[in-house]
N, C-alpha and C. Protein backbone atom coordinates (compact mmCIF):
# COMPACT_ATOMS: atom_id res chain seq x y z
N MET A 1 -10.94 23.07 2.84
CA MET A 1 -10.16 21.27 2.98
C MET A 1 -10.91 20.58 2.46
N GLY A 2 -10.36 19.37 1.37
CA GLY A 2 -11.46 18.10 1.26
C GLY A 2 -10.40 17.22 1.54
N THR A 3 -10.98 16.03 1.46
CA THR A 3 -10.45 14.79 2.20
C THR A 3 -9.40 14.09 0.49
N ASP A 4 -9.95 14.67 -0.61
CA ASP A 4 -10.16 14.03 -2.03
C ASP A 4 -8.66 13.48 -2.05
N ARG A 5 -7.00 14.24 -1.53
CA ARG A 5 -5.83 13.87 -1.83
C ARG A 5 -5.29 12.83 -0.74
N LEU A 6 -6.40 13.16 0.23
CA LEU A 6 -6.10 11.52 1.26
C LEU A 6 -6.52 9.98 0.33
N ILE A 7 -7.70 10.51 0.30
CA ILE A 7 -8.11 9.27 -0.21
C ILE A 7 -7.49 8.85 -1.81
N ASN A 8 -7.00 9.95 -2.21
CA ASN A 8 -6.40 9.57 -3.08
C ASN A 8 -5.24 8.08 -2.64
N GLN A 9 -4.00 9.17 -1.81
CA GLN A 9 -2.93 8.67 -1.80
C GLN A 9 -3.12 6.57 -0.71
N VAL A 10 -4.58 6.84 0.16
CA VAL A 10 -4.53 6.02 0.84
C VAL A 10 -5.43 5.00 -0.83
N ASP A 11 -6.21 5.25 -1.67
CA ASP A 11 -5.87 4.19 -3.32
C ASP A 11 -4.86 4.17 -3.45
N LYS A 12 -3.84 4.57 -3.13
CA LYS A 12 -2.40 4.22 -3.79
C LYS A 12 -1.74 3.02 -3.18
N GLU A 13 -1.99 3.58 -2.09
CA GLU A 13 -1.21 2.92 -1.04
C GLU A 13 -2.77 1.17 -0.58
N SER A 14 -3.17 1.16 -1.15
CA SER A 14 -3.90 0.21 -1.10
C SER A 14 -3.41 -0.63 -2.59
N ARG A 15 -3.02 0.26 -3.65
CA ARG A 15 -2.45 -0.90 -4.44
C ARG A 15 -1.53 -1.41 -4.31
N ASP A 16 -0.10 -0.53 -4.20
CA ASP A 16 1.21 -1.23 -3.73
C ASP A 16 1.08 -2.35 -2.59
N LEU A 17 0.05 -2.30 -1.84
CA LEU A 17 -0.45 -3.28 -0.68
C LEU A 17 -0.47 -4.43 -1.41
N ALA A 18 -1.67 -4.60 -2.46
CA ALA A 18 -2.51 -5.15 -3.09
C ALA A 18 -0.83 -6.02 -4.23
N ILE A 19 -0.13 -5.48 -5.01
CA ILE A 19 0.73 -6.10 -5.58
C ILE A 19 2.19 -6.52 -4.10
N LEU A 20 2.03 -6.34 -2.90
CA LEU A 20 2.96 -7.22 -2.51
C LEU A 20 2.97 -7.86 -2.26
N GLU A 21 0.96 -8.04 -1.52
CA GLU A 21 0.59 -9.51 -1.06
C GLU A 21 0.75 -10.45 -1.93
N ALA A 22 0.67 -10.12 -3.39
CA ALA A 22 0.83 -10.85 -5.04
C ALA A 22 2.27 -11.30 -4.96
N VAL A 23 3.17 -10.55 -4.70
CA VAL A 23 4.65 -10.64 -4.84
C VAL A 23 5.30 -11.84 -3.30
N ILE A 24 4.72 -11.32 -2.48
CA ILE A 24 5.15 -12.23 -1.01
C ILE A 24 4.21 -14.03 -1.65
N THR A 25 2.89 -13.59 -2.08
CA THR A 25 2.32 -14.95 -1.93
C THR A 25 2.52 -15.77 -3.45
N ASP A 26 2.60 -15.35 -4.44
CA ASP A 26 2.98 -16.04 -6.30
C ASP A 26 4.55 -15.65 -6.30
N GLY A 27 4.94 -14.85 -6.07
CA GLY A 27 6.54 -14.62 -5.77
C GLY A 27 7.83 -15.85 -6.20
N PRO A 28 8.19 -15.50 -7.44
CA PRO A 28 8.71 -14.82 -8.51
C PRO A 28 7.12 -14.89 -9.67
N ILE A 29 7.71 -13.43 -9.62
CA ILE A 29 5.80 -12.90 -10.26
C ILE A 29 6.35 -11.85 -10.95
N GLY A 30 6.02 -12.09 -12.67
CA GLY A 30 6.07 -10.68 -13.78
C GLY A 30 4.64 -9.41 -13.18
N ILE A 31 5.57 -8.62 -13.90
CA ILE A 31 3.94 -7.24 -14.22
C ILE A 31 2.60 -8.06 -14.88
N VAL A 32 3.10 -9.27 -15.61
CA VAL A 32 1.56 -9.40 -16.63
C VAL A 32 0.86 -10.06 -15.28
N ARG A 33 1.86 -11.18 -15.60
CA ARG A 33 0.41 -11.61 -14.59
C ARG A 33 0.19 -11.05 -13.57
N LEU A 34 0.71 -10.48 -12.25
CA LEU A 34 0.42 -9.69 -11.60
C LEU A 34 -1.11 -8.64 -12.30
N SER A 35 -0.47 -7.87 -13.22
CA SER A 35 -2.01 -7.20 -13.56
C SER A 35 -3.65 -8.07 -13.83
N GLU A 36 -2.64 -9.45 -14.10
CA GLU A 36 -4.00 -10.25 -14.52
C GLU A 36 -4.41 -10.69 -13.14
N GLU A 37 -3.10 -10.98 -11.80
CA GLU A 37 -4.23 -11.30 -10.65
C GLU A 37 -4.74 -10.08 -9.53
N THR A 38 -4.34 -9.35 -10.04
CA THR A 38 -4.71 -8.19 -8.68
C THR A 38 -5.73 -7.06 -9.72
N GLY A 39 -6.00 -7.79 -11.20
CA GLY A 39 -6.80 -6.50 -11.70
C GLY A 39 -6.41 -5.00 -12.05
N ILE A 40 -5.15 -4.94 -12.00
CA ILE A 40 -4.72 -3.90 -11.49
C ILE A 40 -3.98 -3.53 -13.13
N PRO A 41 -4.44 -2.37 -14.14
CA PRO A 41 -3.74 -2.27 -15.00
C PRO A 41 -2.43 -2.45 -14.68
N GLU A 42 -1.37 -2.49 -16.08
CA GLU A 42 0.61 -2.82 -15.84
C GLU A 42 1.09 -2.03 -15.47
N HIS A 43 0.63 -1.16 -16.17
CA HIS A 43 1.19 0.95 -16.32
C HIS A 43 1.91 1.37 -14.62
N LYS A 44 0.04 0.52 -13.45
CA LYS A 44 -0.05 1.07 -12.03
C LYS A 44 0.75 -0.11 -11.59
N VAL A 45 0.91 -1.67 -11.72
CA VAL A 45 1.43 -2.35 -11.50
C VAL A 45 2.93 -1.92 -11.10
N ARG A 46 3.37 -1.48 -12.57
CA ARG A 46 5.53 -1.56 -12.55
C ARG A 46 5.32 -0.23 -12.16
N TYR A 47 4.56 0.71 -11.69
CA TYR A 47 4.70 2.12 -11.13
C TYR A 47 4.98 1.88 -9.51
N SER A 48 3.79 0.16 -8.71
CA SER A 48 3.80 0.50 -8.07
C SER A 48 5.08 -0.16 -7.39
N LEU A 49 5.15 -1.40 -8.91
CA LEU A 49 6.70 -2.59 -8.00
C LEU A 49 7.63 -1.20 -7.79
N ARG A 50 8.15 -0.06 -8.63
CA ARG A 50 9.04 1.05 -8.52
C ARG A 50 9.45 1.16 -6.91
N MET A 51 7.75 1.52 -6.64
CA MET A 51 7.96 2.01 -5.16
C MET A 51 8.79 0.90 -4.24
N LEU A 52 8.09 0.07 -4.42
CA LEU A 52 7.98 -1.19 -3.64
C LEU A 52 9.75 -1.52 -3.67
N GLU A 53 10.18 -1.64 -4.72
CA GLU A 53 11.66 -1.75 -4.76
C GLU A 53 12.04 -0.74 -4.06
N ASP A 54 11.98 0.95 -4.63
CA ASP A 54 12.49 1.99 -3.63
C ASP A 54 12.56 1.64 -2.02
N ASP A 55 11.89 1.25 -1.88
CA ASP A 55 11.08 0.85 -0.35
C ASP A 55 11.82 0.06 0.21
N GLU A 56 12.14 -0.84 -0.70
CA GLU A 56 13.07 -2.11 -0.60
C GLU A 56 12.40 -3.20 0.21
N LEU A 57 11.06 -3.39 -0.12
CA LEU A 57 10.13 -4.94 0.20
C LEU A 57 9.97 -5.54 -1.30
N VAL A 58 10.18 -5.26 -2.04
CA VAL A 58 10.46 -6.69 -3.21
C VAL A 58 11.63 -6.10 -3.85
N GLU A 59 12.67 -7.28 -4.53
CA GLU A 59 13.76 -7.32 -5.36
C GLU A 59 13.59 -7.78 -6.91
N PRO A 60 13.85 -7.15 -7.63
CA PRO A 60 13.41 -7.66 -8.87
C PRO A 60 14.45 -8.95 -8.74
N THR A 61 14.02 -9.58 -10.29
CA THR A 61 14.37 -11.17 -10.40
C THR A 61 14.74 -11.38 -12.16
N PRO A 62 15.21 -11.56 -13.10
CA PRO A 62 14.48 -11.77 -13.62
C PRO A 62 13.24 -13.21 -14.75
N GLN A 63 13.12 -13.76 -13.17
CA GLN A 63 12.10 -14.90 -13.08
C GLN A 63 10.60 -13.77 -12.61
N GLY A 64 11.17 -12.11 -12.34
CA GLY A 64 9.85 -11.60 -11.30
C GLY A 64 10.28 -11.44 -10.29
N ALA A 65 9.36 -10.55 -10.13
CA ALA A 65 9.58 -9.71 -8.13
C ALA A 65 9.56 -10.73 -7.46
N ILE A 66 10.26 -10.55 -6.41
CA ILE A 66 10.51 -11.59 -5.06
C ILE A 66 10.36 -10.92 -4.20
N PRO A 67 9.53 -11.31 -2.88
CA PRO A 67 9.41 -10.21 -1.34
C PRO A 67 11.26 -10.05 -0.75
N ALA A 68 10.89 -8.96 0.07
CA ALA A 68 12.27 -9.00 0.08
C ALA A 68 13.14 -9.84 1.15
N ASP A 69 14.16 -10.13 1.87
CA ASP A 69 14.54 -11.81 2.50
C ASP A 69 13.80 -11.58 3.99
N ASP A 70 14.06 -9.77 4.73
CA ASP A 70 13.47 -9.78 5.53
C ASP A 70 11.90 -9.33 5.75
N ILE A 71 11.47 -9.84 4.73
CA ILE A 71 9.89 -9.25 4.27
C ILE A 71 9.07 -9.30 5.59
N GLU A 72 9.47 -10.66 6.36
CA GLU A 72 7.77 -10.73 8.14
C GLU A 72 8.10 -9.18 8.64
N ALA A 73 9.49 -8.96 8.76
CA ALA A 73 10.06 -7.81 9.60
C ALA A 73 9.21 -6.49 9.13
N ARG A 74 9.27 -6.50 7.78
CA ARG A 74 9.26 -5.06 7.20
C ARG A 74 7.55 -5.00 6.94
N VAL A 75 6.56 -6.17 6.90
CA VAL A 75 5.27 -6.08 7.32
C VAL A 75 4.53 -5.93 8.71
N ASP A 76 5.42 -6.77 9.49
CA ASP A 76 5.02 -6.27 10.90
C ASP A 76 5.57 -4.20 11.36
N THR A 77 6.42 -4.35 10.44
CA THR A 77 6.60 -2.68 10.82
C THR A 77 5.15 -1.68 9.95
N ILE A 78 5.02 -2.21 8.97
CA ILE A 78 3.83 -1.75 8.00
C ILE A 78 2.03 -1.27 8.64
N ASN A 79 1.80 -3.23 9.50
CA ASN A 79 0.93 -2.99 10.26
C ASN A 79 1.10 -2.04 11.16
N GLU A 80 1.95 -1.73 11.76
CA GLU A 80 1.79 -1.26 13.62
C GLU A 80 1.73 0.19 12.42
N GLY A 81 1.97 0.72 11.57
CA GLY A 81 2.62 2.15 10.87
C GLY A 81 0.91 2.18 10.87
N ILE A 82 0.43 1.86 9.85
CA ILE A 82 -1.36 1.33 10.00
C ILE A 82 -1.57 1.75 11.61
N ASP A 83 -1.61 0.87 12.31
CA ASP A 83 -2.25 0.88 13.31
C ASP A 83 -2.44 2.30 14.07
N HIS A 84 -0.57 2.90 13.76
CA HIS A 84 -0.64 4.43 14.39
C HIS A 84 -2.36 5.38 13.14
N LEU A 85 -1.25 5.47 12.06
CA LEU A 85 -2.66 6.20 11.21
C LEU A 85 -4.01 5.94 11.23
N VAL A 86 -4.09 5.06 11.93
CA VAL A 86 -5.50 4.62 12.23
C VAL A 86 -6.42 5.51 13.23
N ALA A 87 -5.26 5.16 14.15
CA ALA A 87 -5.77 5.73 15.65
C ALA A 87 -5.41 7.76 15.95
N ARG A 88 -4.42 8.10 13.99
CA ARG A 88 -4.12 9.05 14.29
C ARG A 88 -5.29 9.90 13.66
N MET A 89 -6.44 9.23 12.64
CA MET A 89 -7.14 10.00 11.94
C MET A 89 -8.48 10.35 12.89
N GLU A 90 -8.64 9.06 13.29
CA GLU A 90 -9.29 9.13 14.55
C GLU A 90 -9.59 10.45 15.47
N GLU A 91 -8.31 10.76 15.99
CA GLU A 91 -7.55 12.16 17.13
C GLU A 91 -7.99 12.90 16.16
N LEU A 92 -7.72 13.12 15.03
CA LEU A 92 -8.09 14.51 13.94
C LEU A 92 -9.65 14.22 13.92
N ARG A 93 -10.73 13.35 13.57
CA ARG A 93 -12.00 13.20 13.46
C ARG A 93 -12.67 13.99 14.32
N ASP A 94 -12.34 13.25 15.91
CA ASP A 94 -12.63 14.42 16.95
C ASP A 94 -12.16 15.97 17.42
N VAL A 95 -10.54 16.25 16.26
CA VAL A 95 -10.90 17.69 16.92
C VAL A 95 -12.30 18.84 16.08
N LEU A 96 -12.50 18.90 15.09
CA LEU A 96 -13.79 19.46 14.23
C LEU A 96 -15.27 18.64 15.14
N PRO A 97 -15.47 20.56 15.80
CA PRO A 97 -16.74 20.18 16.49
C PRO A 97 -17.89 19.37 15.12
N SER A 98 -18.71 18.56 15.76
CA SER A 98 -20.42 18.27 14.95
C SER A 98 -21.08 19.45 15.27
N ILE A 99 -21.40 19.83 13.67
CA ILE A 99 -22.85 20.59 13.39
C ILE A 99 -23.43 21.00 14.47
N GLU A 100 -23.96 20.17 15.46
CA GLU A 100 -25.16 20.41 16.64
C GLU A 100 -24.18 21.11 17.48
N ALA A 101 -22.81 20.92 17.64
CA ALA A 101 -22.19 21.32 18.82
C ALA A 101 -21.93 23.26 18.19
N VAL A 102 -21.93 23.05 17.25
CA VAL A 102 -21.77 24.53 16.79
C VAL A 102 -22.82 25.22 16.33
N GLU A 103 -24.35 24.54 16.96
CA GLU A 103 -25.46 25.66 16.68
C GLU A 103 -25.72 25.96 17.46
């Protein structure tokens, strides 16, 4: 079992959070400008925006994406979830014995 799948998922989530940060900071903002400001290709920006809309974190408008009305509470929830994941990953790291302990 490798960590490639997990790394890819974390990279995707990181991209989504970069897009969300730009929407919060600069919204309303469109796909082209998001791509320019974040350095993320437009097709990936489009996908991330769709995921963020599905999660009700951003809303589309004719002028571009804007953050949800209750974005502060939602960001707090995201940060709590990240803290939980970090703690869980540390627990998982400690499950496997070190090589020295096996020898």
